[in-house]
Amino acid sequence: MNIEGGVVHELPDDIKQVLTSDEELLSKWNKLTPLARNEWICWTTIVKKAETRENHVQRLKSEILEGKKRPCCWPGCPHRNTKAKKYFKSN
């Protein structure tokens, strides 16, 4: 099955692995809008620590399976939305 990507960000291998490991998750992922997928990718990859990133990858899986469309409490992708940049020290 095809894996849809985001708008600004490339889909990293760790997210690809999680998506391809669960058919229901991949189906729900592909039904998200490109902007929503971009938010998930950015939210997962913008963190600095590997353990935080792994936590975000697992939350991506569980929250999309629960029906969430975008990461909770996320100001938005600072690489796409200039208003969100103020929430990040460096981009």
C-alpha atoms as a PDB file:
ATOM      1  CA  MET A   1       0.000   0.000   0.000  1.00  0.00           C
ATOM      2  CA  ASN A   2       1.158   3.546  -0.761  1.00  0.00           C
ATOM      3  CA  ILE A   3       2.252   5.810   2.121  1.00  0.00           C
ATOM      4  CA  GLU A   4       1.134   9.410   1.720  1.00  0.00           C
ATOM      5  CA  GLY A   5       3.507  12.176   2.852  1.00  0.00           C
ATOM      6  CA  GLY A   6       3.259  15.699   4.162  1.00  0.00           C
ATOM      7  CA  VAL A   7       3.553  19.118   2.564  1.00  0.00           C
ATOM      8  CA  VAL A   8       6.904  20.430   3.804  1.00  0.00           C
ATOM      9  CA  HIS A   9       8.534  17.447   5.500  1.00  0.00           C
ATOM     10  CA  GLU A  10       9.772  14.160   4.072  1.00  0.00           C
ATOM     11  CA  LEU A  11       8.416  11.057   5.779  1.00  0.00           C
ATOM     12  CA  PRO A  12      11.263   9.637   7.931  1.00  0.00           C
ATOM     13  CA  ASP A  13      12.046   5.932   8.129  1.00  0.00           C
ATOM     14  CA  ASP A  14      10.939   5.482  11.766  1.00  0.00           C
ATOM     15  CA  ILE A  15       7.447   6.769  10.953  1.00  0.00           C
ATOM     16  CA  LYS A  16       7.332   4.675   7.764  1.00  0.00           C
ATOM     17  CA  GLN A  17       8.138   1.550   9.803  1.00  0.00           C
ATOM     18  CA  VAL A  18       5.339   2.220  12.292  1.00  0.00           C
ATOM     19  CA  LEU A  19       2.837   2.993   9.540  1.00  0.00           C
ATOM     20  CA  THR A  20       3.636  -0.142   7.532  1.00  0.00           C
ATOM     21  CA  SER A  21       3.459  -2.342  10.634  1.00  0.00           C
ATOM     22  CA  ASP A  22      -0.278  -1.716  11.087  1.00  0.00           C
ATOM     23  CA  GLU A  23      -2.732  -1.819   8.177  1.00  0.00           C
ATOM     24  CA  GLU A  24      -5.456   0.110  10.043  1.00  0.00           C
ATOM     25  CA  LEU A  25      -2.985   2.828  11.046  1.00  0.00           C
ATOM     26  CA  LEU A  26      -1.717   3.183   7.481  1.00  0.00           C
ATOM     27  CA  SER A  27      -5.262   3.450   6.161  1.00  0.00           C
ATOM     28  CA  LYS A  28      -6.131   6.184   8.672  1.00  0.00           C
ATOM     29  CA  TRP A  29      -2.831   7.975   7.962  1.00  0.00           C
ATOM     30  CA  ASN A  30      -3.499   8.025   4.219  1.00  0.00           C
ATOM     31  CA  LYS A  31      -6.973   9.496   4.845  1.00  0.00           C
ATOM     32  CA  LEU A  32      -5.530  12.485   6.741  1.00  0.00           C
ATOM     33  CA  THR A  33      -5.060  15.714   4.806  1.00  0.00           C
ATOM     34  CA  PRO A  34      -1.523  16.476   3.590  1.00  0.00           C
ATOM     35  CA  LEU A  35      -1.357  19.363   6.095  1.00  0.00           C
ATOM     36  CA  ALA A  36      -2.403  17.096   8.969  1.00  0.00           C
ATOM     37  CA  ARG A  37       0.225  14.509   7.974  1.00  0.00           C
ATOM     38  CA  ASN A  38       2.785  17.321   7.826  1.00  0.00           C
ATOM     39  CA  GLU A  39       1.882  18.365  11.388  1.00  0.00           C
ATOM     40  CA  TRP A  40       2.416  14.800  12.655  1.00  0.00           C
ATOM     41  CA  ILE A  41       5.769  14.536  10.857  1.00  0.00           C
ATOM     42  CA  CYS A  42       7.007  17.889  12.168  1.00  0.00           C
ATOM     43  CA  TRP A  43       5.763  17.206  15.704  1.00  0.00           C
ATOM     44  CA  THR A  44       7.654  13.909  15.698  1.00  0.00           C
ATOM     45  CA  THR A  45      10.895  15.125  14.152  1.00  0.00           C
ATOM     46  CA  ILE A  46      11.368  18.552  15.750  1.00  0.00           C
ATOM     47  CA  VAL A  47      12.303  17.128  19.167  1.00  0.00           C
ATOM     48  CA  LYS A  48      15.954  16.903  20.204  1.00  0.00           C
ATOM     49  CA  LYS A  49      16.149  13.702  22.265  1.00  0.00           C
ATOM     50  CA  ALA A  50      15.876  10.236  20.719  1.00  0.00           C
ATOM     51  CA  GLU A  51      13.701   9.024  23.608  1.00  0.00           C
ATOM     52  CA  THR A  52      11.261  11.897  23.083  1.00  0.00           C
ATOM     53  CA  ARG A  53      11.112  11.149  19.373  1.00  0.00           C
ATOM     54  CA  GLU A  54      10.358   7.473  20.049  1.00  0.00           C
ATOM     55  CA  ASN A  55       7.623   8.567  22.451  1.00  0.00           C
ATOM     56  CA  HIS A  56       6.158  10.831  19.753  1.00  0.00           C
ATOM     57  CA  VAL A  57       6.247   8.017  17.184  1.00  0.00           C
ATOM     58  CA  GLN A  58       4.328   5.749  19.564  1.00  0.00           C
ATOM     59  CA  ARG A  59       1.848   8.530  20.393  1.00  0.00           C
ATOM     60  CA  LEU A  60       1.388   9.179  16.668  1.00  0.00           C
ATOM     61  CA  LYS A  61       0.391   5.536  16.290  1.00  0.00           C
ATOM     62  CA  SER A  62      -1.989   5.386  19.220  1.00  0.00           C
ATOM     63  CA  GLU A  63      -3.584   8.785  18.663  1.00  0.00           C
ATOM     64  CA  ILE A  64      -4.218   8.297  14.954  1.00  0.00           C
ATOM     65  CA  LEU A  65      -5.754   4.904  15.719  1.00  0.00           C
ATOM     66  CA  GLU A  66      -7.993   6.695  18.250  1.00  0.00           C
ATOM     67  CA  GLY A  67      -9.147   9.002  15.449  1.00  0.00           C
ATOM     68  CA  LYS A  68      -7.134  12.135  16.191  1.00  0.00           C
ATOM     69  CA  LYS A  69      -6.319  14.197  13.133  1.00  0.00           C
ATOM     70  CA  ARG A  70      -3.443  16.316  14.491  1.00  0.00           C
ATOM     71  CA  PRO A  71      -1.087  16.275  17.481  1.00  0.00           C
ATOM     72  CA  CYS A  72      -2.679  17.656  20.641  1.00  0.00           C
ATOM     73  CA  CYS A  73      -1.420  20.936  22.074  1.00  0.00           C
ATOM     74  CA  TRP A  74       0.844  21.621  19.099  1.00  0.00           C
ATOM     75  CA  PRO A  75       1.107  25.228  17.847  1.00  0.00           C
ATOM     76  CA  GLY A  76       1.754  24.023  14.314  1.00  0.00           C
ATOM     77  CA  CYS A  77       4.683  23.422  12.030  1.00  0.00           C
ATOM     78  CA  PRO A  78       7.070  26.378  12.357  1.00  0.00           C
ATOM     79  CA  HIS A  79       8.540  25.471   8.967  1.00  0.00           C
ATOM     80  CA  ARG A  80       5.199  26.160   7.276  1.00  0.00           C
ATOM     81  CA  ASN A  81       3.295  28.472   9.626  1.00  0.00           C
ATOM     82  CA  THR A  82       5.121  31.691  10.501  1.00  0.00           C
ATOM     83  CA  LYS A  83       2.796  32.332  13.463  1.00  0.00           C
ATOM     84  CA  ALA A  84       3.950  29.065  15.066  1.00  0.00           C
ATOM     85  CA  LYS A  85       7.648  30.061  14.918  1.00  0.00           C
ATOM     86  CA  LYS A  86       7.341  32.159  18.063  1.00  0.00           C
ATOM     87  CA  TYR A  87       6.840  28.967  20.104  1.00  0.00           C
ATOM     88  CA  PHE A  88      10.237  27.550  19.094  1.00  0.00           C
ATOM     89  CA  LYS A  89      13.649  28.922  20.083  1.00  0.00           C
ATOM     90  CA  SER A  90      15.408  27.752  16.913  1.00  0.00           C
ATOM     91  CA  ASN A  91      14.045  26.252  13.716  1.00  0.00           C
END
